[in-house]
Protein backbone atom coordinates (compact mmCIF):
# COMPACT_ATOMS: atom_id res chain seq x y z
CA MET A 1 -5.63 5.61 22.43
CA LEU A 2 -7.70 7.39 20.65
CA SER A 3 -7.68 10.64 20.04
CA LYS A 4 -10.99 13.17 20.97
CA ALA A 5 -9.62 16.03 19.09
CA GLN A 6 -10.23 16.40 15.49
CA GLU A 7 -6.88 16.91 14.35
CA VAL A 8 -7.19 15.96 10.95
CA LYS A 9 -8.81 18.29 8.36
CA VAL A 10 -11.00 16.53 5.96
CA SER A 11 -13.67 17.29 3.73
CA SER A 12 -15.66 14.27 4.44
CA GLY A 13 -16.31 12.26 6.89
CA LYS A 14 -13.76 12.46 9.90
CA VAL A 15 -10.66 10.85 10.95
CA GLN A 16 -9.56 9.45 14.31
CA ARG A 17 -5.98 9.69 15.55
CA ILE A 18 -4.41 6.77 17.24
CA LYS A 19 -1.33 8.04 18.65
CA ASN A 20 1.55 6.14 19.54
CA PHE A 21 0.08 2.89 18.68
CA LYS A 22 3.15 0.30 20.64
CA SER A 23 3.98 -2.83 18.79
CA GLU A 24 6.08 -5.76 19.71
CA TYR A 25 7.62 -5.83 16.26
CA VAL A 26 8.57 -2.52 14.68
CA ASP A 27 8.58 1.21 16.25
CA ALA A 28 5.01 2.87 17.94
CA ARG A 29 4.09 5.21 14.97
CA THR A 30 0.42 7.82 14.43
CA ILE A 31 -2.78 5.33 12.96
CA ASP A 32 -5.44 7.42 11.50
CA VAL A 33 -8.67 5.76 11.35
CA TRP A 34 -11.08 7.21 8.49
CA LEU A 35 -14.70 6.84 8.72
CA PRO A 36 -17.53 7.90 6.43
CA ASP A 37 -20.38 10.38 7.18
CA GLY A 38 -23.29 8.49 8.73
CA TYR A 39 -20.53 5.51 9.96
CA SER A 40 -23.14 3.69 12.59
CA SER A 41 -22.36 1.12 15.09
CA LYS A 42 -25.58 -0.86 13.29
CA GLU A 43 -23.62 -1.60 9.73
CA LYS A 44 -20.11 -3.33 9.09
CA TYR A 45 -18.02 -1.95 7.10
CA LEU A 46 -15.04 -3.26 4.87
CA VAL A 47 -11.12 -2.28 5.88
CA LEU A 48 -8.74 -0.95 3.32
CA TYR A 49 -5.20 -0.41 4.94
CA MET A 50 -2.77 2.11 3.33
CA ASN A 51 0.94 3.25 3.67
CA ASP A 52 2.27 6.50 4.37
CA GLY A 53 -0.59 7.12 6.30
CA GLN A 54 0.67 10.43 7.17
CA SER A 55 0.07 11.89 3.60
CA LEU A 56 -3.29 10.94 3.07
CA TYR A 57 -6.04 13.19 4.21
CA ASP A 58 -4.32 16.61 5.13
CA ALA A 59 -2.33 18.53 2.34
CA GLU A 60 -1.34 21.32 5.12
CA SER A 61 -0.09 18.63 7.64
CA THR A 62 1.94 17.01 5.11
CA TRP A 63 6.37 17.53 4.23
CA ASN A 64 5.42 18.42 0.58
CA LYS A 65 1.84 19.88 1.19
CA GLN A 66 0.30 17.46 -1.34
CA ALA A 67 -2.26 14.18 0.04
CA TRP A 68 -4.08 11.72 -1.47
CA GLU A 69 -7.34 13.76 -1.14
CA VAL A 70 -8.76 9.85 0.51
CA ASP A 71 -11.33 10.98 2.54
CA ALA A 72 -12.76 13.31 -0.51
CA ILE A 73 -12.46 10.78 -2.72
CA SER A 74 -13.53 7.80 -0.40
CA GLY A 75 -16.86 10.16 0.63
CA GLU A 76 -17.90 10.22 -3.09
CA LEU A 77 -17.56 6.55 -4.23
CA ILE A 78 -19.76 5.36 -0.81
CA VAL A 79 -22.24 8.58 -1.32
CA SER A 80 -22.37 7.81 -5.29
CA LYS A 81 -22.70 3.64 -3.98
CA ARG A 82 -19.91 3.27 -6.72
CA THR A 83 -18.82 1.08 -4.11
CA LYS A 84 -19.36 -0.36 -0.61
CA LYS A 85 -19.14 1.37 2.25
CA PHE A 86 -15.71 1.07 4.04
CA ILE A 87 -12.96 2.74 6.64
CA VAL A 88 -9.62 3.79 5.93
CA VAL A 89 -6.73 2.76 8.19
CA GLY A 90 -3.59 5.01 7.61
CA ILE A 91 -0.69 3.63 8.77
CA TRP A 92 2.03 6.53 9.00
CA ASN A 93 5.39 5.47 7.84
CA ASN A 94 8.63 5.63 10.01
CA GLY A 95 10.59 8.25 8.39
CA GLU A 96 14.11 6.63 8.38
CA TYR A 97 13.15 3.35 8.17
CA ARG A 98 10.76 3.87 5.58
CA HIS A 99 12.60 1.69 2.88
CA SER A 100 13.73 -0.99 5.27
CA GLU A 101 9.82 -1.33 6.79
CA TYR A 102 8.98 -1.45 2.98
CA PHE A 103 11.11 -3.42 1.17
CA PRO A 104 10.15 -7.03 0.71
CA GLN A 105 12.29 -8.79 2.97
CA LYS A 106 12.46 -12.95 1.44
CA ILE A 107 14.50 -11.91 -1.53
CA ILE A 108 17.25 -10.05 0.33
CA GLN A 109 19.54 -13.39 0.34
CA SER A 110 19.17 -14.19 -2.71
CA ILE A 111 20.90 -10.88 -3.97
CA PRO A 112 24.13 -11.26 -4.70
CA GLU A 113 26.35 -10.18 -1.64
CA THR A 114 27.67 -7.17 -3.06
CA THR A 115 24.68 -5.74 -4.12
CA ARG A 116 23.30 -7.31 -0.81
CA LYS A 117 25.56 -5.31 1.17
CA ILE A 118 24.87 -1.80 -0.35
CA ILE A 119 21.19 -2.21 -0.23
CA VAL A 120 21.00 -3.41 3.23
CA GLU A 121 23.62 -0.78 4.55
CA GLU A 122 22.98 2.28 2.51
CA GLN A 123 18.72 1.82 2.02
CA LEU A 124 17.68 -0.18 4.65
CA LYS A 125 19.82 1.05 7.31
CA ASN A 126 21.42 -1.90 8.34
CA LYS A 127 17.78 -3.04 9.47
CA PRO A 128 15.47 -5.55 7.06
CA GLN A 129 12.13 -4.86 8.82
CA ALA A 130 9.17 -5.70 6.41
CA ASP A 131 8.40 -9.05 7.56
CA ASN A 132 8.00 -7.34 11.16
CA TYR A 133 6.21 -4.74 9.78
CA LEU A 134 3.51 -7.16 8.33
CA LYS A 135 3.33 -8.57 11.38
CA PHE A 136 2.83 -5.87 13.30
CA ILE A 137 -0.34 -4.48 10.88
CA VAL A 138 -1.73 -8.72 10.95
CA LYS A 139 -1.32 -9.48 14.35
CA GLU A 140 -1.40 -6.26 16.51
CA LEU A 141 -3.03 -3.58 14.77
CA LYS A 142 -5.65 -5.35 12.37
CA PRO A 143 -7.19 -7.26 15.98
CA PHE A 144 -7.55 -3.58 17.23
CA ILE A 145 -9.51 -2.18 14.34
CA ASP A 146 -11.45 -5.41 14.08
CA LYS A 147 -12.47 -4.50 17.91
CA THR A 148 -12.77 -1.07 17.74
CA TYR A 149 -14.18 -0.84 14.61
CA ASN A 150 -17.74 -2.17 13.04
CA ILE A 151 -16.10 -3.67 10.09
CA LYS A 152 -16.71 -6.92 8.26
CA GLU A 153 -13.93 -9.50 9.02
CA GLY A 154 -12.30 -12.24 6.61
CA ARG A 155 -10.03 -12.01 3.57
CA LYS A 156 -13.16 -10.92 0.89
CA ASN A 157 -13.47 -7.61 3.11
CA THR A 158 -9.49 -6.67 3.77
CA PHE A 159 -7.70 -4.50 1.47
CA ILE A 160 -4.03 -3.01 1.36
CA ALA A 161 -2.89 0.08 -0.82
CA GLY A 162 -0.07 1.97 -1.31
CA SER A 163 2.45 4.29 -3.53
CA SER A 164 6.24 3.81 -4.71
CA MET A 165 7.84 1.72 -1.91
CA GLY A 166 4.27 1.34 -0.19
CA GLY A 167 3.12 -0.71 -3.64
CA LEU A 168 6.12 -2.88 -2.66
CA ILE A 169 5.18 -3.56 0.54
CA SER A 170 1.23 -3.76 -0.51
CA LEU A 171 1.91 -6.65 -2.94
CA TYR A 172 4.79 -8.26 -0.79
CA ALA A 173 1.45 -8.17 2.44
CA ILE A 174 -0.88 -9.50 -0.16
CA CYS A 175 1.50 -12.64 -0.93
CA GLU A 176 2.77 -13.21 2.93
CA TYR A 177 -1.11 -12.91 4.12
CA PRO A 178 -3.05 -14.34 1.07
CA GLU A 179 -5.12 -15.17 3.89
CA VAL A 180 -5.65 -11.91 5.44
CA PHE A 181 -5.71 -9.54 2.07
CA GLY A 182 -8.25 -10.01 -0.52
CA GLY A 183 -7.20 -7.40 -2.85
CA ALA A 184 -3.97 -4.73 -3.08
CA ALA A 185 -3.61 -1.55 -5.01
CA CYS A 186 0.14 -0.74 -5.87
CA LEU A 187 -0.03 2.94 -7.61
CA SER A 188 3.32 3.87 -9.28
CA THR A 189 5.08 0.74 -7.64
CA HIS A 190 8.62 1.30 -7.16
CA THR A 191 9.38 -2.16 -9.28
CA PRO A 192 13.41 -1.30 -9.47
CA MET A 193 13.30 -1.53 -5.76
CA ILE A 194 16.49 0.48 -5.32
CA LEU A 195 17.57 4.15 -4.96
CA LYS A 196 17.38 6.33 -7.96
CA GLU A 197 20.97 6.60 -7.69
CA MET A 198 21.60 2.66 -7.63
CA MET A 199 19.47 2.59 -10.91
CA SER A 200 21.42 0.10 -13.63
CA GLU A 201 20.95 -2.61 -15.58
CA LYS A 202 23.07 -4.53 -13.30
CA THR A 203 20.37 -4.07 -10.20
CA ASP A 204 17.94 -4.63 -12.40
CA THR A 205 19.40 -8.08 -13.00
CA ASP A 206 20.38 -8.36 -9.09
CA VAL A 207 17.45 -7.10 -7.35
CA ALA A 208 14.30 -6.20 -9.33
CA SER A 209 14.48 -10.03 -11.21
CA LYS A 210 14.43 -11.29 -7.90
CA TYR A 211 11.65 -9.76 -6.35
CA ARG A 212 9.93 -10.82 -9.62
CA ASP A 213 11.11 -14.75 -8.83
CA TYR A 214 9.52 -14.07 -5.66
CA LEU A 215 6.28 -13.43 -7.15
CA LYS A 216 6.18 -16.68 -9.62
CA THR A 217 5.96 -18.69 -6.79
CA ASN A 218 4.28 -16.20 -4.24
CA LEU A 219 1.58 -14.25 -6.22
CA PRO A 220 -1.78 -15.07 -4.13
CA ASN A 221 -4.35 -17.69 -6.07
CA PRO A 222 -6.58 -15.18 -8.61
CA LYS A 223 -9.83 -16.75 -8.22
CA ASN A 224 -10.00 -15.15 -4.71
CA HIS A 225 -7.97 -11.83 -4.85
CA LYS A 226 -7.84 -9.11 -7.08
CA ILE A 227 -4.47 -6.65 -7.27
CA TYR A 228 -4.09 -3.69 -8.95
CA PHE A 229 -1.18 -1.83 -10.66
CA ASP A 230 -0.55 1.47 -12.38
CA TYR A 231 2.25 4.27 -13.25
CA GLY A 232 2.50 7.36 -15.21
CA ASN A 233 5.65 8.52 -16.87
CA GLN A 234 7.40 11.64 -15.41
CA THR A 235 10.10 11.81 -13.07
CA LEU A 236 10.69 8.74 -10.95
CA ASP A 237 7.45 7.19 -12.72
CA SER A 238 9.55 7.21 -15.79
CA PHE A 239 11.75 4.13 -15.10
CA TYR A 240 8.70 1.85 -14.34
CA GLN A 241 7.45 1.21 -17.28
CA SER A 242 9.55 -2.00 -18.50
CA TYR A 243 9.90 -3.40 -14.94
CA GLN A 244 5.76 -3.21 -14.64
CA GLU A 245 5.36 -5.40 -17.84
CA LYS A 246 7.38 -7.53 -16.37
CA ILE A 247 5.62 -8.21 -13.91
CA ASP A 248 2.53 -7.96 -16.25
CA THR A 249 3.80 -11.11 -17.90
CA ILE A 250 4.12 -13.49 -14.41
CA MET A 251 0.23 -12.33 -14.12
CA ILE A 252 -0.89 -13.47 -17.24
CA GLU A 253 1.68 -16.74 -16.09
CA LYS A 254 -0.21 -17.07 -13.35
CA GLU A 255 -3.72 -16.90 -14.96
CA TYR A 256 -4.85 -13.62 -13.57
CA SER A 257 -7.32 -11.59 -15.92
CA SER A 258 -9.28 -8.81 -16.05
CA LYS A 259 -11.56 -9.96 -13.61
CA ASN A 260 -8.91 -9.96 -10.81
CA TRP A 261 -5.96 -7.84 -12.21
CA ILE A 262 -5.59 -4.28 -13.43
CA THR A 263 -2.28 -2.59 -14.73
CA LYS A 264 -3.15 1.07 -16.00
CA PHE A 265 -0.57 3.56 -17.64
CA PHE A 266 -1.17 7.27 -16.89
CA PRO A 267 0.66 9.28 -19.97
CA GLY A 268 1.62 13.08 -18.19
CA ASP A 269 0.93 11.59 -14.85
CA ASP A 270 4.37 11.82 -12.08
CA HIS A 271 5.33 10.17 -8.86
CA SER A 272 3.52 12.46 -6.43
CA GLU A 273 0.12 12.71 -4.39
CA LYS A 274 -0.82 15.07 -6.89
CA SER A 275 -1.01 12.18 -9.80
CA TRP A 276 -1.99 9.11 -7.34
CA SER A 277 -5.28 11.75 -5.58
CA ARG A 278 -6.45 11.88 -9.49
CA ARG A 279 -6.84 8.09 -10.59
CA LEU A 280 -7.41 6.99 -6.90
CA HIS A 281 -11.27 6.31 -7.33
CA ILE A 282 -10.03 3.41 -10.41
CA PRO A 283 -8.44 0.63 -8.02
CA LEU A 284 -10.91 1.92 -4.97
CA GLU A 285 -13.84 0.49 -7.21
CA PHE A 286 -12.05 -2.53 -8.97
CA LEU A 287 -11.32 -3.87 -5.08
CA LEU A 288 -14.19 -2.62 -3.12
CA LYS A 289 -17.07 -2.16 -5.95
CA LYS A 290 -20.84 -2.90 -4.80
């Protein structure tokens, strides 16, 4: 199952590519596992699961010639001992069905019918499947990673991260599986939840507010979970501030503090891998610190 050849260009560590990882819940996909320099069977590592896995390491192979540069950033954090040692499991998105896998499914029935119909048909391609996507990670991918790599098991050693819709599904994951994930990093989280052309005050009331209602009930215990948010103010990120501030209010109400929650604003940053790469070290240090 593991690719023998080094197919991903990295500046630190190495990537093992698992092609066509099959699932009973979602379509098969590629998994790219980054291992730090000196990865050893004599040590145990934390695990960071990351959505949109094809955009993490090698800019030459991405659709927009940008990447998070996870390999370089993670390698530097480990070498400088600013974090514990960890591996990164990059889960490729499903292209056409990315939104349907990343849109938090539990809120769909609470959305007013007319708006719900538009979202399900146009954004989710008539195939809501976020719950199945999380089942794939928790019930199929994670057991494989636990068995194949030298990792520290348990919630306090397992994390999930993503940006935009990948941020939404990361937050949804820690809410749905608080016993599995001890922390989530949600960069430029697409808090409006709907496609840009659908954004309006009505869709905020109809859709984003339903997710906030969900969070009020389902956010995990702050005593043993950490959550990171951020956003910029350029391109798509320019829409996010008011939405994020409403979520921040909920975090305070749920008794999150600076020990287990961060929201950061990055003026001048846009909605791109280059922006996320520049600040990725912040959530990684927060979640994975020594």
